[in-house]
Protein backbone atom coordinates (compact mmCIF):
# COMPACT_ATOMS: atom_id res chain seq x y z
CA MET A 1 3.18 -47.55 -20.26
CA LYS A 2 4.86 -50.31 -22.17
CA ILE A 3 8.62 -50.89 -22.03
CA VAL A 4 10.08 -52.13 -25.33
CA GLU A 5 13.55 -53.36 -26.18
CA LEU A 6 15.33 -51.05 -28.61
CA GLN A 7 17.01 -52.77 -31.53
CA ARG A 8 20.74 -52.08 -31.91
CA GLU A 9 20.46 -51.83 -35.72
CA THR A 10 17.89 -49.03 -35.43
CA TYR A 11 19.20 -47.14 -32.38
CA LYS A 12 23.00 -47.45 -32.61
CA GLY A 13 24.37 -43.94 -32.21
CA TYR A 14 20.93 -42.49 -31.42
CA GLU A 15 21.58 -39.11 -29.78
CA ILE A 16 19.73 -37.98 -26.71
CA HIS A 17 20.25 -34.42 -25.53
CA VAL A 18 20.10 -34.38 -21.75
CA SER A 19 19.52 -31.33 -19.62
CA TYR A 20 18.89 -30.89 -15.95
CA TYR A 21 19.34 -28.30 -13.28
CA THR A 22 20.61 -28.72 -9.79
CA ARG A 23 20.54 -26.68 -6.62
CA ALA A 24 23.16 -28.81 -4.86
CA TYR A 25 26.32 -30.77 -5.51
CA HIS A 26 28.31 -33.34 -3.58
CA HIS A 27 31.56 -31.78 -2.41
CA ILE A 28 34.52 -34.17 -2.36
CA LYS A 29 37.31 -33.57 0.14
CA ILE A 30 40.33 -35.87 0.38
CA LYS A 31 42.88 -35.35 3.15
CA LYS A 32 46.11 -37.31 3.14
CA SER A 33 48.21 -37.71 6.25
CA LYS A 34 49.09 -41.04 7.84
CA LYS A 35 45.78 -42.24 6.45
CA ILE A 36 43.40 -41.04 3.77
CA ASN A 37 40.22 -39.30 4.91
CA LEU A 38 37.45 -38.96 2.37
CA THR A 39 34.47 -36.70 2.96
CA ILE A 40 31.49 -36.29 0.66
CA LYS A 41 29.09 -33.59 1.74
CA ARG A 42 25.98 -32.38 -0.07
CA LYS A 43 26.14 -28.61 -0.45
CA ARG A 44 23.40 -26.33 -1.66
CA VAL A 45 24.21 -23.60 -4.18
CA PHE A 46 22.74 -20.10 -4.25
CA ARG A 47 21.75 -20.20 -7.93
CA LYS A 48 20.55 -23.24 -9.78
CA ILE A 49 23.12 -24.74 -12.10
CA ASP A 50 22.01 -25.82 -15.59
CA LYS A 51 23.82 -28.78 -17.13
CA THR A 52 23.55 -30.24 -20.62
CA PHE A 53 25.27 -33.12 -22.38
CA THR A 54 24.59 -35.71 -25.07
CA ILE A 55 24.42 -39.47 -24.72
CA ASN A 56 24.54 -41.96 -27.58
CA LEU A 57 22.97 -45.39 -27.38
CA PHE A 58 24.87 -48.58 -28.22
CA GLU A 59 28.33 -47.02 -28.20
CA ASP A 60 31.17 -49.21 -29.48
CA HIS A 61 33.03 -49.39 -26.14
CA ILE A 62 30.01 -51.02 -24.46
CA GLU A 63 29.94 -54.76 -25.03
CA ASP A 64 26.59 -56.44 -25.62
CA SER A 65 24.46 -53.66 -24.20
CA ARG A 66 20.69 -53.79 -24.23
CA ALA A 67 18.45 -50.75 -24.20
CA PHE A 68 14.80 -50.43 -23.27
CA GLY A 69 12.54 -47.49 -23.92
CA ILE A 70 9.16 -46.00 -23.29
CA PHE A 71 7.43 -44.22 -26.15
CA GLU A 72 4.67 -41.66 -26.37
CA ARG A 73 3.18 -41.44 -29.86
CA ARG A 74 6.32 -42.92 -31.43
CA LYS A 75 8.59 -40.50 -29.58
CA LEU A 76 11.17 -42.01 -27.21
CA ILE A 77 10.52 -40.34 -23.85
CA ALA A 78 12.54 -42.58 -21.51
CA VAL A 79 15.36 -45.07 -21.94
CA VAL A 80 17.71 -47.26 -19.93
CA GLU A 81 20.79 -49.03 -21.30
CA GLY A 82 22.95 -51.59 -19.56
CA SER A 83 25.24 -54.58 -19.95
CA ILE A 84 26.80 -57.33 -17.90
CA GLU A 85 30.44 -56.88 -16.90
CA SER A 86 31.32 -60.55 -16.79
CA TRP A 87 34.79 -60.08 -15.27
CA HIS A 88 33.17 -59.26 -11.91
CA ASN A 89 29.57 -60.28 -12.56
CA VAL A 90 27.88 -56.91 -12.14
CA TYR A 91 25.35 -55.29 -14.42
CA ARG A 92 26.33 -51.74 -15.38
CA ILE A 93 23.67 -49.20 -16.16
CA TRP A 94 25.25 -47.00 -18.82
CA ASN A 95 22.41 -44.61 -19.50
CA LEU A 96 19.15 -43.64 -17.88
CA TYR A 97 17.11 -40.83 -19.36
CA VAL A 98 13.61 -39.50 -18.89
CA SER A 99 12.49 -36.48 -20.92
CA LYS A 100 12.13 -33.28 -18.92
CA ARG A 101 8.39 -33.21 -19.48
CA HIS A 102 7.92 -36.72 -18.06
CA ARG A 103 10.15 -36.59 -14.98
CA LYS A 104 8.57 -37.42 -11.62
CA GLU A 105 5.90 -39.55 -13.35
CA GLY A 106 7.42 -42.92 -12.44
CA PHE A 107 9.10 -43.75 -15.76
CA GLY A 108 12.60 -43.80 -14.23
CA THR A 109 11.44 -46.18 -11.51
CA LEU A 110 9.77 -48.47 -14.07
CA LEU A 111 12.94 -48.61 -16.16
CA MET A 112 15.12 -49.25 -13.11
CA GLU A 113 12.85 -52.11 -12.01
CA HIS A 114 12.99 -53.52 -15.54
CA ILE A 115 16.78 -53.38 -15.81
CA GLU A 116 17.10 -54.92 -12.33
CA HIS A 117 14.92 -57.81 -13.52
CA ILE A 118 17.22 -58.23 -16.56
CA ALA A 119 20.31 -58.20 -14.32
CA LYS A 120 18.82 -60.82 -11.99
CA SER A 121 17.91 -63.03 -14.95
CA LEU A 122 21.64 -63.03 -15.85
CA ASP A 123 22.57 -63.91 -12.25
CA ALA A 124 24.42 -60.61 -11.79
CA ARG A 125 25.43 -60.03 -8.19
CA ALA A 126 24.94 -56.25 -8.28
CA LEU A 127 23.89 -53.23 -10.30
CA ILE A 128 26.37 -50.38 -10.71
CA LEU A 129 26.25 -46.98 -12.37
CA GLU A 130 28.14 -43.73 -12.70
CA VAL A 131 26.82 -40.31 -11.75
CA GLN A 132 28.54 -36.93 -11.56
CA SER A 133 28.82 -35.32 -8.14
CA CYS A 134 27.03 -32.24 -9.50
CA ASN A 135 23.96 -34.23 -10.60
CA ASP A 136 22.10 -34.01 -7.31
CA PRO A 137 18.66 -34.86 -8.77
CA ALA A 138 20.03 -38.15 -10.16
CA ILE A 139 21.86 -38.99 -6.93
CA GLN A 140 18.65 -38.42 -4.95
CA PHE A 141 16.75 -40.64 -7.39
CA TYR A 142 19.32 -43.46 -7.28
CA GLU A 143 19.37 -43.43 -3.48
CA LYS A 144 15.56 -43.77 -3.46
CA GLN A 145 16.03 -46.80 -5.73
CA GLY A 146 18.25 -48.46 -3.13
CA PHE A 147 21.66 -47.54 -4.56
CA HIS A 148 24.53 -46.43 -2.34
CA PHE A 149 27.97 -44.88 -2.83
CA VAL A 150 30.62 -47.49 -3.70
CA GLY A 151 33.52 -45.44 -5.12
CA LEU A 152 34.80 -42.44 -7.01
CA ASN A 153 37.30 -41.29 -9.62
CA THR A 154 38.67 -37.76 -9.31
CA LEU A 155 40.32 -37.83 -12.76
CA ALA A 156 37.58 -39.39 -14.91
CA TYR A 157 36.59 -36.35 -16.97
CA SER A 158 39.52 -33.93 -16.58
CA ASN A 159 42.45 -33.18 -14.30
CA ASN A 160 40.26 -30.63 -12.52
CA ASP A 161 37.21 -32.74 -11.65
CA VAL A 162 37.26 -31.85 -7.94
CA GLN A 163 37.59 -28.12 -8.62
CA ARG A 164 34.84 -28.26 -11.27
CA LYS A 165 32.58 -30.19 -8.84
CA GLU A 166 32.15 -32.93 -11.45
CA VAL A 167 33.68 -35.99 -9.82
CA ARG A 168 32.66 -39.41 -11.10
CA LEU A 169 30.78 -41.21 -8.35
CA GLU A 170 29.99 -44.90 -8.55
CA TYR A 171 26.74 -46.07 -7.00
CA GLY A 172 25.79 -49.71 -6.56
CA LYS A 173 23.02 -51.99 -5.39
CA ARG A 174 23.43 -55.60 -4.29
CA LEU A 175 21.03 -58.04 -5.93
């Protein structure tokens, strides 16, 4: 499959409806005493959880992003979008999507290898991305790609992120 760069003029605001299901989440526990103890533990759930959300390519708050896609008969089936964060010289992956029908066929790995090549060509020192603690399939995929946990934000989406099991996790990979 061929990876092509998506043109901002054509794909700005392009909506992608994402859905996945998970049978596990990453439980966040923070204990404060004389020191702060942070525990992240993968927990299985009895029933699978279905999640859906929408991503838009080339959003205004992302500076100088580039997006790359894989097409099947003119239909976009996989995409990755990223940009350099020059203030600390890391390349942020903003979006990674593979259509449900094409998951586990290697498209995600191809796009991750491609975006890593782009980041290295810009002399970025690391790749970084965000993933929700409830998106176990994505976390498993990123870990297979060599990413590891580098931080979290318990107030990124709402004031109840921990209770909702949707904590923003940051994963990174040194280049």
